[in-house]
Amino acid sequence: MLSGHGRKIYCTYLEEKSHETVYIAQCASCHGAAGRGDGRLAASLEPKPIAFPDPERARSRSLMALYQVVTQGVAGTSMPSFSSLSEEDRWALAFYIGTMSHDGAMRGRGEKLWRQDASVKRHFPDLATVSTMTEAASAKLMPGRTARDVVAYLRSNPGVIEASKPTGLVLARLCLRESLAAVHAGDRATAIKLGLSAYLDGFEPLEPIVSARDQSLMTAVENAILGFRSAVANGTEEQAEAAAARLDNLFARVDAELGQSRATPMSTFLGALTILLREGVEALLIVVGIIAFMKKAGRNDVLRHVHAGWISALGAGAVTWAVATYLVTISGASREVAEGVGAVFAAIVLLSVGMWMHQKSSADRWQAYISEKLTAALTRRAGFSLFALAFIAVYREVFETVLFYSALAVDGNSGALMAGFLICAGAASDYRVGATADQCAHADR
């Protein structure tokens, strides 16, 4: 129904109140500024525009129904199709119109219920439910006034749905149960997908903290997850149940370990330190290797492209952090795909640069290559390849670092987090300078 990208865009769009601007521009001339069906053109229309605040009609109207009407129009009436509007604008109209039968008092009571009553959240697990469920349907699950107030709050603040979604071990256990249920239902494909999500989306973001506290426990969990996925894919239902039980017991141990002290400053510091060390070393070695190789080849003129590549990757990492924090939710599977694509692309660029340097290795070819008529054009091509290689090598690691640091930041201890980052970054910088000088010294010999 809605892509994750689309959900975040129109949630942000609604929260910025620009939805009212769209309504005034597109709908107010017929329906009126307050949606009462009394716009300046209403008198000349037949049938008359409907009044959106009418509580009886609003009770049986879902946001999806409003979106479809806005998109398709209504045959036999003066309601035209607004398919020319962007998807975000059409959803913004649907959400705004869907709030016109509610007032501030209803939304205030709904917010209180949402924050205090866990059972309410179970009835609205995701944005799809908010979009398709009517107030009348909600009233079958909870008292009528409660349903009205909660619907009023969620339609005005859809972003809270994303914020309330389970994470960490809660998500891992939920995926584990759903995967086992899919096995019993005979749906192995879904069971495998959910088993993978239990690791990528649930447990993997916790790895740095668990590793800093109990490396053997982290290894045991990873092995148990592999065992569960193998049992789901190739084993019997009994084997899958046994593997799930072992994994759930390990999750309980992880929960107890993390619960002993909600991310102590030391564990956050060690997590931040080890994450940056692990993710940065590979990129650092590639960049240092490129720099040393260029110096050995006497191509100091293209080093600026290498530096521009890794510096741009750091800037792109900052943008990624902002996007991942405020605009989109990046799933574990998407993260793995992005890392895989980045690795493949980096390998291709590295191979092409290697072939290029090999072709220029003989003295005759090298002299011909740097002749006045060709040097400038070929340097530009080589420069782009080196820029791309440095950028991808560094950004691939920055991408994963951003995601792991986001998980660490949830537990607070921002001072310890920054200390781990800065110390590791400083050490990496010293290492890069030292390694570059050392490799260049060898290259000069």
Protein backbone atom coordinates (compact mmCIF):
# COMPACT_ATOMS: atom_id res chain seq x y z
CA MET A 1 0.00 0.00 0.00
CA LEU A 2 2.63 2.52 1.10
CA SER A 3 6.35 2.34 0.67
CA GLY A 4 8.53 3.02 3.72
CA HIS A 5 9.90 6.04 1.88
CA GLY A 6 6.40 7.34 1.15
CA ARG A 7 5.27 6.80 4.75
CA LYS A 8 8.09 8.86 6.18
CA ILE A 9 7.68 11.62 3.61
CA TYR A 10 4.03 12.20 4.23
CA CYS A 11 4.36 11.76 8.00
CA THR A 12 6.94 14.54 8.01
CA TYR A 13 4.77 16.45 5.56
CA LEU A 14 1.79 16.29 7.89
CA GLU A 15 3.74 17.24 10.96
CA GLU A 16 4.96 20.38 9.25
CA LYS A 17 1.30 21.47 8.78
CA SER A 18 1.71 22.07 5.04
CA HIS A 19 -1.21 19.66 4.50
CA GLU A 20 -3.58 22.51 5.29
CA THR A 21 -2.03 24.54 2.47
CA VAL A 22 -2.74 21.73 0.01
CA TYR A 23 -6.33 21.47 1.21
CA ILE A 24 -6.95 25.22 0.89
CA ALA A 25 -5.47 25.23 -2.62
CA GLN A 26 -7.31 22.17 -3.92
CA CYS A 27 -10.53 21.69 -1.93
CA ALA A 28 -11.63 24.80 -0.06
CA SER A 29 -13.39 26.43 -3.04
CA CYS A 30 -16.01 23.65 -2.95
CA HIS A 31 -15.88 22.16 0.54
CA GLY A 32 -15.06 25.35 2.44
CA ALA A 33 -12.07 26.20 4.62
CA ALA A 34 -13.46 24.15 7.52
CA GLY A 35 -14.78 21.35 5.27
CA ARG A 36 -18.48 22.07 5.93
CA GLY A 37 -19.42 21.96 2.25
CA ASP A 38 -19.94 25.73 2.09
CA GLY A 39 -17.21 26.86 -0.29
CA ARG A 40 -17.78 29.72 -2.73
CA LEU A 41 -18.59 27.28 -5.56
CA ALA A 42 -20.82 24.99 -3.47
CA ALA A 43 -24.10 26.72 -4.37
CA SER A 44 -23.60 25.99 -8.08
CA LEU A 45 -22.80 22.30 -7.60
CA GLU A 46 -25.23 19.37 -7.67
CA PRO A 47 -25.03 17.22 -5.68
CA LYS A 48 -23.69 19.49 -2.97
CA PRO A 49 -20.19 18.89 -1.59
CA ILE A 50 -20.22 16.72 1.51
CA ALA A 51 -19.47 18.13 4.95
CA PHE A 52 -16.35 16.44 6.25
CA PRO A 53 -16.96 17.26 9.97
CA ASP A 54 -20.22 15.26 9.98
CA PRO A 55 -19.41 12.71 12.74
CA GLU A 56 -21.72 9.97 11.45
CA ARG A 57 -20.24 9.91 7.96
CA ALA A 58 -16.73 10.30 9.34
CA ARG A 59 -17.11 7.19 11.53
CA SER A 60 -17.42 4.93 8.50
CA ARG A 61 -14.76 6.61 6.37
CA SER A 62 -11.17 5.33 6.30
CA LEU A 63 -8.13 7.28 5.18
CA MET A 64 -7.61 4.79 2.37
CA ALA A 65 -11.14 5.50 1.12
CA LEU A 66 -10.41 9.23 1.20
CA TYR A 67 -7.15 8.69 -0.66
CA GLN A 68 -8.92 6.68 -3.36
CA VAL A 69 -11.61 9.34 -3.77
CA VAL A 70 -8.96 12.07 -4.05
CA THR A 71 -7.05 9.97 -6.59
CA GLN A 72 -9.96 8.72 -8.72
CA GLY A 73 -12.71 11.29 -8.19
CA VAL A 74 -16.40 10.35 -7.95
CA ALA A 75 -18.33 9.59 -11.13
CA GLY A 76 -21.60 11.48 -11.55
CA THR A 77 -20.55 14.31 -9.23
CA SER A 78 -18.43 17.43 -9.46
CA MET A 79 -15.64 15.71 -7.54
CA PRO A 80 -12.75 15.44 -10.02
CA SER A 81 -9.70 13.21 -9.94
CA PHE A 82 -6.58 14.72 -8.40
CA SER A 83 -4.25 12.04 -9.76
CA SER A 84 -2.01 14.80 -11.11
CA LEU A 85 -0.99 15.61 -7.52
CA SER A 86 1.96 13.77 -6.05
CA GLU A 87 1.31 10.72 -3.89
CA GLU A 88 2.46 12.67 -0.84
CA ASP A 89 -0.01 15.49 -1.52
CA ARG A 90 -2.90 13.06 -2.00
CA TRP A 91 -2.11 11.29 1.28
CA ALA A 92 -1.75 14.67 2.98
CA LEU A 93 -5.26 15.58 1.82
CA ALA A 94 -6.63 12.23 3.03
CA PHE A 95 -5.10 12.63 6.47
CA TYR A 96 -6.17 16.25 6.81
CA ILE A 97 -9.77 15.58 5.73
CA GLY A 98 -9.79 12.57 8.06
CA THR A 99 -9.16 14.87 11.05
CA MET A 100 -11.94 17.37 10.34
CA SER A 101 -14.51 15.58 12.50
CA HIS A 102 -12.21 15.69 15.55
CA ASP A 103 -11.24 18.50 17.92
CA GLY A 104 -8.26 19.25 20.14
CA ALA A 105 -9.86 17.70 23.23
CA MET A 106 -10.33 14.38 21.43
CA ARG A 107 -6.74 14.39 20.23
CA GLY A 108 -5.48 15.22 23.71
CA ARG A 109 -7.37 12.32 25.27
CA GLY A 110 -6.19 10.05 22.45
CA GLU A 111 -2.56 10.97 23.09
CA LYS A 112 -2.94 10.11 26.76
CA LEU A 113 -4.51 6.75 25.91
CA TRP A 114 -1.79 5.99 23.35
CA ARG A 115 0.97 6.65 25.86
CA GLN A 116 -0.60 4.85 28.83
CA ASP A 117 -2.61 1.93 27.43
CA ALA A 118 -0.49 -0.79 25.79
CA SER A 119 -3.58 -2.59 24.50
CA VAL A 120 -4.39 0.37 22.28
CA LYS A 121 -1.05 0.05 20.49
CA ARG A 122 -1.73 -3.62 19.75
CA HIS A 123 -4.81 -2.60 17.77
CA PHE A 124 -2.80 -0.13 15.65
CA PRO A 125 0.51 -1.92 15.00
CA ASP A 126 1.42 -0.03 11.84
CA LEU A 127 0.49 2.83 9.55
CA ALA A 128 -1.39 0.50 7.20
CA THR A 129 -3.87 -0.23 9.98
CA VAL A 130 -4.37 3.46 10.71
CA SER A 131 -4.93 4.06 7.00
CA THR A 132 -7.48 1.31 6.45
CA MET A 133 -9.37 1.06 9.74
CA THR A 134 -12.48 3.18 10.23
CA GLU A 135 -13.55 4.64 13.53
CA ALA A 136 -16.60 2.33 13.46
CA ALA A 137 -14.37 -0.74 13.03
CA SER A 138 -12.12 0.46 15.87
CA ALA A 139 -15.18 0.74 18.12
CA LYS A 140 -15.62 -3.04 17.85
CA LEU A 141 -12.21 -3.53 19.45
CA MET A 142 -12.46 -0.93 22.22
CA PRO A 143 -15.03 1.43 23.75
CA GLY A 144 -16.51 3.85 21.21
CA ARG A 145 -15.19 7.02 22.80
CA THR A 146 -11.73 5.49 23.20
CA ALA A 147 -11.74 4.46 19.53
CA ARG A 148 -12.73 7.96 18.43
CA ASP A 149 -10.09 9.69 20.56
CA VAL A 150 -7.27 7.33 19.56
CA VAL A 151 -8.17 7.62 15.86
CA ALA A 152 -8.25 11.41 16.24
CA TYR A 153 -4.75 11.41 17.73
CA LEU A 154 -3.18 8.96 15.28
CA ARG A 155 -4.57 10.65 12.20
CA SER A 156 -3.09 13.95 13.37
CA ASN A 157 0.22 12.38 14.47
CA PRO A 158 0.95 9.37 12.23
CA GLY A 159 4.66 9.58 12.97
CA VAL A 160 4.14 8.09 16.44
CA ILE A 161 3.33 4.73 14.80
CA GLU A 162 6.92 4.40 13.58
CA ALA A 163 8.29 5.51 16.94
CA SER A 164 6.34 2.83 18.81
CA LYS A 165 7.45 -0.11 16.69
CA PRO A 166 9.38 -2.84 18.53
CA THR A 167 13.16 -2.88 18.28
CA GLY A 168 16.07 -4.90 19.58
CA LEU A 169 15.30 -8.11 21.44
CA VAL A 170 11.58 -7.38 21.47
CA LEU A 171 11.60 -7.33 17.67
CA ALA A 172 13.90 -10.35 17.48
CA ARG A 173 11.59 -12.42 19.68
CA LEU A 174 8.52 -11.25 17.77
CA CYS A 175 10.09 -12.27 14.46
CA LEU A 176 11.15 -15.58 16.01
CA ARG A 177 7.58 -16.39 17.10
CA GLU A 178 6.14 -15.35 13.76
CA SER A 179 8.75 -17.40 11.91
CA LEU A 180 7.85 -20.48 13.96
CA ALA A 181 4.15 -19.86 13.28
CA ALA A 182 4.89 -19.67 9.56
CA VAL A 183 6.70 -23.02 9.78
CA HIS A 184 3.63 -24.61 11.38
CA ALA A 185 1.48 -23.06 8.64
CA GLY A 186 3.71 -24.60 5.96
CA ASP A 187 4.97 -21.23 4.68
CA ARG A 188 8.72 -21.88 4.68
CA ALA A 189 9.58 -18.85 2.53
CA THR A 190 7.99 -16.43 5.00
CA ALA A 191 9.52 -18.32 7.92
CA ILE A 192 13.02 -17.94 6.42
CA LYS A 193 12.47 -14.24 5.81
CA LEU A 194 11.28 -13.67 9.38
CA GLY A 195 14.17 -15.67 10.78
CA LEU A 196 16.59 -13.46 8.87
CA SER A 197 14.79 -10.34 10.11
CA ALA A 198 15.12 -11.57 13.72
CA TYR A 199 18.87 -11.27 13.27
CA LEU A 200 19.33 -8.33 10.91
CA ASP A 201 16.64 -6.04 12.34
CA GLY A 202 16.48 -7.30 15.91
CA PHE A 203 19.80 -8.63 17.19
CA GLU A 204 22.51 -7.28 14.88
CA PRO A 205 22.18 -3.62 16.04
CA LEU A 206 22.87 -4.87 19.58
CA GLU A 207 26.03 -6.77 18.61
CA PRO A 208 28.54 -4.06 19.60
CA ILE A 209 27.13 -3.80 23.14
CA VAL A 210 26.78 -7.55 23.62
CA SER A 211 30.26 -8.12 22.21
CA ALA A 212 31.77 -5.58 24.61
CA ARG A 213 30.13 -7.32 27.59
CA ASP A 214 30.23 -11.03 26.67
CA GLN A 215 31.87 -12.10 23.43
CA SER A 216 31.07 -15.79 23.97
CA LEU A 217 27.37 -14.99 24.41
CA MET A 218 27.30 -13.02 21.19
CA THR A 219 28.94 -15.89 19.32
CA ALA A 220 26.47 -18.35 20.82
CA VAL A 221 23.52 -16.23 19.69
CA GLU A 222 24.89 -15.93 16.15
CA ASN A 223 25.40 -19.71 15.96
CA ALA A 224 21.92 -20.33 17.34
CA ILE A 225 20.39 -18.01 14.75
CA LEU A 226 22.20 -19.89 11.99
CA GLY A 227 20.94 -23.15 13.48
CA PHE A 228 17.37 -21.88 13.59
CA ARG A 229 17.46 -20.66 10.01
CA SER A 230 18.88 -24.01 8.88
CA ALA A 231 16.14 -25.88 10.75
CA VAL A 232 13.48 -23.62 9.23
CA ALA A 233 14.82 -24.11 5.72
CA ASN A 234 15.61 -27.84 5.81
CA GLY A 235 14.48 -29.37 9.09
CA THR A 236 11.26 -30.67 10.58
CA GLU A 237 8.83 -28.67 12.67
CA GLU A 238 10.20 -30.31 15.81
CA GLN A 239 13.75 -29.30 14.89
CA ALA A 240 12.63 -25.74 14.23
CA GLU A 241 10.86 -25.62 17.60
CA ALA A 242 13.94 -26.93 19.41
CA ALA A 243 16.19 -24.42 17.65
CA ALA A 244 13.75 -21.61 18.48
CA ALA A 245 13.73 -22.64 22.15
CA ARG A 246 17.54 -22.57 22.30
CA LEU A 247 17.61 -19.16 20.65
CA ASP A 248 14.91 -17.77 22.93
CA ASN A 249 16.91 -18.91 25.97
CA LEU A 250 19.96 -17.10 24.64
CA PHE A 251 17.87 -13.98 24.03
CA ALA A 252 16.84 -14.19 27.69
CA ARG A 253 20.52 -14.25 28.68
CA VAL A 254 21.22 -11.26 26.46
CA ASP A 255 18.25 -9.46 27.98
CA ALA A 256 19.57 -10.15 31.47
CA GLU A 257 23.06 -9.02 30.46
CA LEU A 258 21.82 -5.77 28.98
CA GLY A 259 19.42 -5.23 31.86
CA GLN A 260 22.13 -5.35 34.52
CA SER A 261 22.91 -1.74 33.77
CA ARG A 262 21.25 -0.08 30.86
CA ALA A 263 24.31 0.55 28.74
CA THR A 264 26.93 1.70 31.20
CA PRO A 265 29.19 4.50 29.96
CA MET A 266 32.06 2.02 29.71
CA SER A 267 30.10 -0.42 27.54
CA THR A 268 28.94 2.43 25.30
CA PHE A 269 32.52 3.70 25.06
CA LEU A 270 33.87 0.25 24.16
CA GLY A 271 31.06 -0.30 21.68
CA ALA A 272 31.74 3.02 19.93
CA LEU A 273 35.45 2.31 19.91
CA THR A 274 35.23 -1.21 18.51
CA ILE A 275 32.60 -0.30 15.91
CA LEU A 276 34.74 2.42 14.39
CA LEU A 277 37.85 0.25 14.54
CA ARG A 278 36.11 -2.66 12.86
CA GLU A 279 34.38 -0.62 10.16
CA GLY A 280 37.23 1.82 9.56
CA VAL A 281 40.23 -0.45 9.17
CA GLU A 282 39.20 -1.91 5.82
CA ALA A 283 38.45 1.48 4.28
CA LEU A 284 41.60 2.95 5.79
CA LEU A 285 43.83 0.26 4.33
CA ILE A 286 42.35 0.75 0.88
CA VAL A 287 42.79 4.52 0.96
CA VAL A 288 46.34 4.28 2.33
CA GLY A 289 47.16 1.65 -0.29
CA ILE A 290 45.87 3.87 -3.10
CA ILE A 291 47.87 6.85 -1.85
CA ALA A 292 51.08 4.81 -1.55
CA PHE A 293 50.57 3.27 -4.98
CA MET A 294 50.04 6.65 -6.60
CA LYS A 295 53.17 8.03 -4.95
CA LYS A 296 55.16 5.02 -6.12
CA ALA A 297 53.91 5.59 -9.64
CA GLY A 298 54.84 9.26 -9.43
CA ARG A 299 51.22 10.33 -9.85
CA ASN A 300 50.97 12.92 -7.08
CA ASP A 301 48.74 14.94 -9.41
CA VAL A 302 45.80 12.55 -8.88
CA LEU A 303 46.04 12.31 -5.09
CA ARG A 304 43.58 15.17 -4.74
CA HIS A 305 40.91 12.93 -6.29
CA VAL A 306 41.57 10.24 -3.67
CA HIS A 307 41.31 12.77 -0.85
CA ALA A 308 38.17 14.25 -2.38
CA GLY A 309 36.65 10.76 -2.51
CA TRP A 310 37.09 9.83 1.15
CA ILE A 311 36.23 13.33 2.39
CA SER A 312 33.03 13.26 0.30
CA ALA A 313 32.20 9.86 1.78
CA LEU A 314 32.39 11.29 5.29
CA GLY A 315 30.08 14.12 4.25
CA ALA A 316 27.69 11.63 2.68
CA GLY A 317 27.80 9.67 5.94
CA ALA A 318 26.62 12.73 7.86
CA VAL A 319 23.74 13.10 5.40
CA THR A 320 22.96 9.39 5.79
CA TRP A 321 22.77 9.81 9.55
CA ALA A 322 20.31 12.69 9.18
CA VAL A 323 18.18 10.78 6.66
CA ALA A 324 18.19 7.56 8.69
CA THR A 325 17.29 9.47 11.86
CA TYR A 326 14.62 11.84 10.57
CA LEU A 327 13.25 10.60 7.24
CA VAL A 328 13.47 6.86 6.66
CA THR A 329 13.82 3.64 8.54
CA ILE A 330 16.48 1.39 7.08
CA SER A 331 15.75 -2.28 7.51
CA GLY A 332 18.44 -4.86 8.15
CA ALA A 333 17.86 -6.47 4.78
CA SER A 334 18.17 -3.11 3.01
CA ARG A 335 21.38 -2.44 4.91
CA GLU A 336 22.88 -5.75 3.80
CA VAL A 337 21.84 -5.11 0.19
CA ALA A 338 23.41 -1.64 0.27
CA GLU A 339 26.63 -3.02 1.71
CA GLY A 340 26.72 -5.82 -0.87
CA VAL A 341 26.14 -3.46 -3.78
CA GLY A 342 28.81 -1.15 -2.42
CA ALA A 343 31.28 -4.00 -2.12
CA VAL A 344 30.63 -5.17 -5.68
CA PHE A 345 30.94 -1.66 -7.06
CA ALA A 346 34.16 -1.06 -5.11
CA ALA A 347 35.59 -4.32 -6.46
CA ILE A 348 34.76 -3.30 -10.02
CA VAL A 349 36.36 0.12 -9.60
CA LEU A 350 39.41 -1.43 -7.90
CA LEU A 351 39.80 -3.92 -10.75
CA SER A 352 39.53 -1.20 -13.38
CA VAL A 353 42.10 0.97 -11.60
CA GLY A 354 44.40 -2.03 -11.24
CA MET A 355 44.12 -2.84 -14.94
CA TRP A 356 44.73 0.79 -15.79
CA MET A 357 47.89 0.88 -13.68
CA HIS A 358 49.05 -2.46 -15.11
CA GLN A 359 48.66 -1.16 -18.63
CA LYS A 360 50.85 1.81 -17.73
CA SER A 361 53.55 -0.28 -16.02
CA SER A 362 55.92 -0.58 -18.99
CA ALA A 363 58.23 2.37 -19.53
CA ASP A 364 57.27 2.87 -23.17
CA ARG A 365 53.54 2.89 -22.49
CA TRP A 366 54.01 5.09 -19.46
CA GLN A 367 55.97 7.67 -21.43
CA ALA A 368 53.39 7.64 -24.18
CA TYR A 369 50.62 7.93 -21.64
CA ILE A 370 51.99 11.12 -20.10
CA SER A 371 52.58 12.87 -23.38
CA GLU A 372 51.29 16.41 -23.52
CA LYS A 373 48.33 15.73 -25.82
CA LEU A 374 46.81 12.93 -23.71
CA THR A 375 47.82 13.61 -20.12
CA ALA A 376 44.98 15.98 -19.22
CA ALA A 377 42.14 13.81 -20.59
CA LEU A 378 43.45 10.56 -19.19
CA THR A 379 44.17 12.14 -15.81
CA ARG A 380 40.53 13.18 -15.58
CA ARG A 381 39.40 9.61 -16.28
CA ALA A 382 41.86 8.14 -13.79
CA GLY A 383 40.90 10.82 -11.29
CA PHE A 384 37.23 9.88 -11.46
CA SER A 385 37.99 6.18 -10.95
CA LEU A 386 40.17 6.94 -7.95
CA PHE A 387 37.55 9.29 -6.52
CA ALA A 388 34.85 6.62 -6.93
CA LEU A 389 37.01 3.92 -5.34
CA ALA A 390 37.92 6.05 -2.32
CA PHE A 391 34.32 7.21 -1.92
CA ILE A 392 32.75 3.74 -2.07
CA ALA A 393 35.42 2.13 0.13
CA VAL A 394 34.85 4.68 2.89
CA TYR A 395 31.10 5.23 2.50
CA ARG A 396 30.33 1.51 2.71
CA GLU A 397 31.88 1.42 6.19
CA VAL A 398 30.41 4.78 7.22
CA PHE A 399 26.95 3.50 6.29
CA GLU A 400 27.14 0.60 8.72
CA THR A 401 28.82 2.73 11.40
CA VAL A 402 25.92 5.17 11.30
CA LEU A 403 23.42 2.37 11.89
CA PHE A 404 25.38 0.85 14.78
CA TYR A 405 25.95 4.23 16.41
CA SER A 406 22.23 4.95 16.15
CA ALA A 407 21.59 1.76 18.14
CA LEU A 408 24.14 2.77 20.79
CA ALA A 409 22.66 6.25 21.07
CA VAL A 410 19.29 4.82 22.14
CA ASP A 411 20.72 4.00 25.58
CA GLY A 412 22.09 7.48 26.16
CA ASN A 413 25.66 8.00 27.43
CA SER A 414 26.32 10.42 24.59
CA GLY A 415 29.55 11.58 26.25
CA ALA A 416 30.97 8.06 26.30
CA LEU A 417 29.78 7.52 22.73
CA MET A 418 31.57 10.64 21.49
CA ALA A 419 34.70 9.79 23.51
CA GLY A 420 34.90 6.37 21.87
CA PHE A 421 34.36 7.92 18.45
CA LEU A 422 36.94 10.70 18.88
CA ILE A 423 39.64 8.48 20.38
CA CYS A 424 39.26 5.91 17.64
CA ALA A 425 39.11 8.59 14.95
CA GLY A 426 42.28 10.17 16.32
CA ALA A 427 44.07 6.83 16.44
CA ALA A 428 42.92 6.05 12.90
CA SER A 429 44.20 9.42 11.71
CA ASP A 430 47.61 8.81 13.27
CA TYR A 431 47.68 5.34 11.80
CA ARG A 432 46.78 6.66 8.36
CA VAL A 433 49.56 9.24 8.45
CA GLY A 434 52.10 6.72 9.75
CA ALA A 435 51.05 3.99 7.36
CA THR A 436 51.12 6.35 4.41
CA ALA A 437 54.60 7.56 5.29
CA ASP A 438 55.83 4.00 5.79
CA GLN A 439 54.37 2.73 2.54
CA CYS A 440 55.65 5.74 0.67
CA ALA A 441 59.14 5.16 2.11
CA HIS A 442 59.01 1.59 0.82
CA ALA A 443 57.70 2.86 -2.49
CA ASP A 444 60.64 5.25 -2.84
CA ARG A 445 63.15 2.43 -2.37
